[in-house]
């Protein structure tokens, strides 16, 4: 993909399933990776793997809900790697619970990580992009934010909020040469999906039902996401902004 070589790319949740393979894909394109994760050891493992393969990556222990901690990580990234060219908002968390069985404490945690964490990251990274009059922001939302998802009411609300946030910022910062786009995974083989299946009490039957409902006939893998993410961050997507693309095997087909 054009234009990713030597770009400084921040990936939040970079130590997780989708985040780690996204970091590796950017590294393959020649980018310099800042791997942000609250799990420092996971971030270090991803960065070390990239560096051993001949790429360039640095790990940062980051709590996205702590604005001061995030600001320090961003400052350290600029000092270590250079100005941030690409931001991938990937970190997220949920616990599958029917809304009326959930609690305000759970709402707060879900909102803090999935919505406020992205607000904090945007607020901290964007000024540098505005100053340089260029940048790419790709936010990983979810099809739960487009069509809803049983047992994920607050999570779905947050992910819908990320779509609206991205579209709004795409309008506000078009004049600064910054694009904002959203990638929405469908059902994907992550720790979150495994928890969901386990909590159902009938994981095998539920998995089979999901596979039957997916036109491409399988559950997604983390490796299905980096291509779309990297494309939206590269020069070939320079005239694409405010857009949302689902990577769901056709499970959802949303215009």
Protein backbone atom coordinates (compact mmCIF):
# COMPACT_ATOMS: atom_id res chain seq x y z
CA UNK A 1 0.00 0.00 0.00
CA UNK A 2 1.29 3.44 -0.90
CA UNK A 3 2.52 5.92 1.64
CA UNK A 4 2.89 3.88 4.83
CA UNK A 5 6.66 3.43 4.81
CA UNK A 6 8.30 5.26 7.74
CA UNK A 7 4.95 6.61 8.96
CA UNK A 8 4.51 6.64 12.74
CA UNK A 9 1.43 4.62 13.59
CA UNK A 10 -0.21 4.41 17.02
CA UNK A 11 -2.42 1.36 17.61
CA UNK A 12 -4.38 1.28 20.85
CA UNK A 13 -5.11 -2.16 22.25
CA UNK A 14 -2.10 -3.21 20.20
CA UNK A 15 -1.37 -6.22 22.38
CA UNK A 16 -4.71 -7.91 21.71
CA UNK A 17 -6.08 -10.09 18.94
CA UNK A 18 -7.04 -7.55 16.27
CA UNK A 19 -4.52 -4.99 17.53
CA UNK A 20 -1.49 -7.28 17.35
CA UNK A 21 -2.09 -8.44 13.78
CA UNK A 22 -2.83 -4.85 12.75
CA UNK A 23 0.51 -3.74 14.19
CA UNK A 24 2.30 -6.51 12.31
CA UNK A 25 0.60 -5.59 9.03
CA UNK A 26 1.59 -1.94 9.34
CA UNK A 27 5.15 -3.03 10.12
CA UNK A 28 5.18 -5.16 6.97
CA UNK A 29 4.32 -1.99 5.05
CA UNK A 30 7.36 -0.27 6.57
CA UNK A 31 5.62 1.82 9.22
CA UNK A 32 7.03 2.54 12.68
CA UNK A 33 4.68 1.21 15.35
CA UNK A 34 3.74 2.58 18.74
CA UNK A 35 2.01 -0.34 20.45
CA UNK A 36 -0.30 1.01 23.15
CA UNK A 37 -1.89 -1.40 25.62
CA UNK A 38 -2.88 -1.41 29.28
CA UNK A 39 -1.23 -4.86 29.39
CA UNK A 40 2.41 -3.83 29.17
CA UNK A 41 3.72 -7.36 28.69
CA UNK A 42 1.35 -7.95 25.77
CA UNK A 43 2.51 -4.72 24.14
CA UNK A 44 6.16 -5.62 24.67
CA UNK A 45 5.63 -9.06 23.13
CA UNK A 46 4.11 -7.54 19.98
CA UNK A 47 6.84 -4.90 19.67
CA UNK A 48 9.61 -7.46 20.20
CA UNK A 49 8.11 -9.72 17.55
CA UNK A 50 8.03 -6.87 15.05
CA UNK A 51 11.60 -5.81 15.82
CA UNK A 52 12.92 -9.36 15.53
CA UNK A 53 11.26 -9.61 12.11
CA UNK A 54 13.17 -6.54 10.96
CA UNK A 55 10.48 -3.94 11.63
CA UNK A 56 10.36 -0.98 13.97
CA UNK A 57 8.13 -0.89 17.05
CA UNK A 58 8.05 0.48 20.57
CA UNK A 59 5.73 -0.69 23.38
CA UNK A 60 3.93 1.69 25.74
CA UNK A 61 1.88 0.83 28.82
CA UNK A 62 -1.17 3.08 28.42
CA UNK A 63 -4.43 3.46 30.31
CA UNK A 64 -6.68 5.26 27.83
CA UNK A 65 -9.09 6.28 30.60
CA UNK A 66 -6.31 8.36 32.24
CA UNK A 67 -5.79 11.52 30.20
CA UNK A 68 -2.50 12.39 31.91
CA UNK A 69 -1.10 8.90 31.37
CA UNK A 70 -2.15 9.05 27.73
CA UNK A 71 -0.61 12.49 27.22
CA UNK A 72 2.72 11.19 28.54
CA UNK A 73 2.58 8.19 26.19
CA UNK A 74 1.89 10.45 23.21
CA UNK A 75 4.77 12.76 24.19
CA UNK A 76 7.08 9.76 24.60
CA UNK A 77 6.01 8.41 21.21
CA UNK A 78 6.84 11.69 19.51
CA UNK A 79 10.22 11.75 21.24
CA UNK A 80 11.02 8.09 20.44
CA UNK A 81 9.57 7.71 16.94
CA UNK A 82 8.59 11.14 15.64
CA UNK A 83 5.28 12.94 14.94
CA UNK A 84 2.25 10.66 14.80
CA UNK A 85 0.95 10.18 11.26
CA UNK A 86 -1.71 7.51 11.82
CA UNK A 87 -3.94 6.74 14.80
CA UNK A 88 -5.81 3.44 15.00
CA UNK A 89 -8.39 3.47 17.80
CA UNK A 90 -8.71 -0.26 18.42
CA UNK A 91 -8.88 -0.82 22.19
CA UNK A 92 -12.21 -1.98 23.58
CA UNK A 93 -13.84 -4.10 26.25
CA UNK A 94 -17.24 -5.51 27.12
CA UNK A 95 -19.04 -8.05 29.26
CA UNK A 96 -22.10 -9.69 27.74
CA UNK A 97 -25.03 -8.87 30.05
CA UNK A 98 -28.72 -8.19 29.31
CA UNK A 99 -29.37 -4.52 29.97
CA UNK A 100 -31.75 -4.99 32.91
CA UNK A 101 -29.24 -7.30 34.59
CA UNK A 102 -26.39 -4.83 34.17
CA UNK A 103 -25.37 -2.22 36.74
CA UNK A 104 -24.28 1.43 36.60
CA UNK A 105 -20.76 0.37 37.60
CA UNK A 106 -20.59 -1.84 34.50
CA UNK A 107 -21.98 0.99 32.35
CA UNK A 108 -19.25 3.30 33.62
CA UNK A 109 -16.48 0.83 32.84
CA UNK A 110 -17.79 0.10 29.35
CA UNK A 111 -18.24 3.79 28.58
CA UNK A 112 -14.86 4.75 30.03
CA UNK A 113 -12.96 2.25 27.89
CA UNK A 114 -14.95 2.22 24.66
CA UNK A 115 -16.03 5.84 24.34
CA UNK A 116 -14.11 8.09 26.73
CA UNK A 117 -10.89 6.24 25.97
CA UNK A 118 -11.26 7.15 22.29
CA UNK A 119 -12.24 10.72 23.16
CA UNK A 120 -9.08 11.01 25.28
CA UNK A 121 -6.91 9.57 22.52
CA UNK A 122 -8.37 11.81 19.81
CA UNK A 123 -8.06 14.86 22.07
CA UNK A 124 -4.39 14.10 22.74
CA UNK A 125 -3.21 13.05 19.27
CA UNK A 126 -5.19 15.38 16.99
CA UNK A 127 -3.47 18.69 17.88
CA UNK A 128 -0.21 17.41 16.39
CA UNK A 129 -1.97 16.35 13.19
CA UNK A 130 -3.72 19.72 12.94
CA UNK A 131 -0.39 21.49 13.39
CA UNK A 132 1.16 19.48 10.53
CA UNK A 133 -2.01 19.69 8.40
CA UNK A 134 -2.16 15.96 7.75
CA UNK A 135 -3.11 12.66 9.39
CA UNK A 136 -5.14 9.50 9.18
CA UNK A 137 -7.46 8.21 11.90
CA UNK A 138 -9.05 4.78 11.65
CA UNK A 139 -11.41 3.75 14.44
CA UNK A 140 -12.41 0.16 15.07
CA UNK A 141 -16.06 0.26 16.05
CA UNK A 142 -18.34 -2.78 15.73
CA UNK A 143 -21.36 -3.92 13.80
CA UNK A 144 -23.01 -3.82 17.23
CA UNK A 145 -22.90 -0.05 16.80
CA UNK A 146 -24.65 -0.26 13.42
CA UNK A 147 -27.37 -2.83 14.00
CA UNK A 148 -27.35 -3.54 17.78
CA UNK A 149 -26.39 -6.71 19.63
CA UNK A 150 -28.32 -8.56 22.31
CA UNK A 151 -26.52 -8.47 25.65
CA UNK A 152 -24.39 -5.49 24.59
CA UNK A 153 -26.66 -2.48 25.01
CA UNK A 154 -24.13 -0.06 26.49
CA UNK A 155 -21.28 -1.37 24.35
CA UNK A 156 -23.44 -0.94 21.24
CA UNK A 157 -24.28 2.61 22.29
CA UNK A 158 -20.58 3.40 22.68
CA UNK A 159 -19.68 1.88 19.33
CA UNK A 160 -22.48 3.83 17.64
CA UNK A 161 -21.06 6.92 19.31
CA UNK A 162 -17.66 6.24 17.74
CA UNK A 163 -19.24 6.24 14.30
CA UNK A 164 -20.94 9.59 14.94
CA UNK A 165 -17.76 10.99 16.49
CA UNK A 166 -15.69 9.98 13.47
CA UNK A 167 -18.15 11.49 11.01
CA UNK A 168 -18.24 14.74 12.96
CA UNK A 169 -14.46 15.01 13.23
CA UNK A 170 -14.18 14.18 9.52
CA UNK A 171 -16.19 17.34 8.85
CA UNK A 172 -14.39 19.49 11.42
CA UNK A 173 -10.89 18.54 10.30
CA UNK A 174 -11.23 18.11 6.54
CA UNK A 175 -9.61 21.53 6.13
CA UNK A 176 -6.62 20.24 8.08
CA UNK A 177 -6.01 17.35 5.73
CA UNK A 178 -7.00 14.71 8.31
CA UNK A 179 -9.28 11.82 7.38
CA UNK A 180 -11.43 9.80 9.76
CA UNK A 181 -12.89 6.43 8.85
CA UNK A 182 -14.39 3.49 10.71
CA UNK A 183 -13.99 -0.25 10.39
CA UNK A 184 -16.70 -2.40 12.00
CA UNK A 185 -15.84 -6.02 12.73
CA UNK A 186 -18.66 -8.51 12.86
CA UNK A 187 -18.32 -11.75 14.79
CA UNK A 188 -14.59 -12.28 15.20
CA UNK A 189 -12.54 -14.93 16.99
CA UNK A 190 -11.37 -12.79 19.89
CA UNK A 191 -11.32 -13.23 23.67
CA UNK A 192 -14.51 -11.16 23.83
CA UNK A 193 -16.32 -13.50 21.45
CA UNK A 194 -15.09 -16.53 23.38
CA UNK A 195 -16.50 -15.03 26.59
CA UNK A 196 -19.80 -14.42 24.83
CA UNK A 197 -20.05 -18.02 23.67
CA UNK A 198 -19.15 -19.35 27.11
CA UNK A 199 -21.70 -17.14 28.84
CA UNK A 200 -24.50 -18.43 26.61
CA UNK A 201 -24.49 -21.88 28.18
CA UNK A 202 -24.67 -23.48 24.70
CA UNK A 203 -21.52 -22.32 22.89
CA UNK A 204 -21.42 -25.02 20.21
CA UNK A 205 -25.01 -24.50 19.09
CA UNK A 206 -24.62 -20.74 19.14
CA UNK A 207 -21.43 -20.88 17.08
CA UNK A 208 -23.13 -23.15 14.55
CA UNK A 209 -26.05 -20.74 14.28
CA UNK A 210 -23.72 -17.80 13.65
CA UNK A 211 -21.83 -19.70 10.97
CA UNK A 212 -25.11 -20.58 9.22
CA UNK A 213 -26.19 -16.94 9.37
CA UNK A 214 -22.97 -15.67 7.79
CA UNK A 215 -23.07 -15.76 3.97
CA UNK A 216 -19.33 -16.47 3.74
CA UNK A 217 -19.82 -19.44 6.04
CA UNK A 218 -17.44 -18.81 8.94
CA UNK A 219 -16.66 -16.64 11.93
CA UNK A 220 -14.18 -13.86 11.22
CA UNK A 221 -10.53 -13.99 12.26
CA UNK A 222 -8.45 -11.05 13.54
CA UNK A 223 -6.40 -11.36 10.35
CA UNK A 224 -9.46 -10.32 8.34
CA UNK A 225 -9.26 -6.74 9.69
CA UNK A 226 -5.76 -5.29 9.05
CA UNK A 227 -6.18 -5.02 5.28
CA UNK A 228 -9.14 -2.66 5.59
CA UNK A 229 -7.49 -0.69 8.40
CA UNK A 230 -4.20 -0.24 6.58
CA UNK A 231 -5.95 0.71 3.35
CA UNK A 232 -7.86 3.52 5.06
CA UNK A 233 -4.56 4.78 6.49
CA UNK A 234 -2.62 4.77 3.22
CA UNK A 235 -2.29 7.35 0.43
CA UNK A 236 -4.64 5.41 -1.83
CA UNK A 237 -7.50 6.31 0.55
CA UNK A 238 -6.67 10.03 0.61
CA UNK A 239 -10.12 11.00 -0.76
CA UNK A 240 -12.08 8.76 1.63
CA UNK A 241 -13.32 10.27 4.88
CA UNK A 242 -16.33 9.90 7.16
CA UNK A 243 -17.00 6.37 5.90
CA UNK A 244 -17.87 3.11 7.65
CA UNK A 245 -17.04 -0.37 6.37
CA UNK A 246 -18.15 -3.66 7.94
CA UNK A 247 -15.85 -6.67 7.91
CA UNK A 248 -18.40 -9.33 8.82
CA UNK A 249 -18.52 -11.96 6.10
CA UNK A 250 -21.89 -10.53 5.09
CA UNK A 251 -23.55 -11.24 8.43
CA UNK A 252 -24.64 -7.62 8.33
CA UNK A 253 -25.12 -5.69 5.10
CA UNK A 254 -25.69 -2.11 6.13
CA UNK A 255 -25.79 0.76 3.65
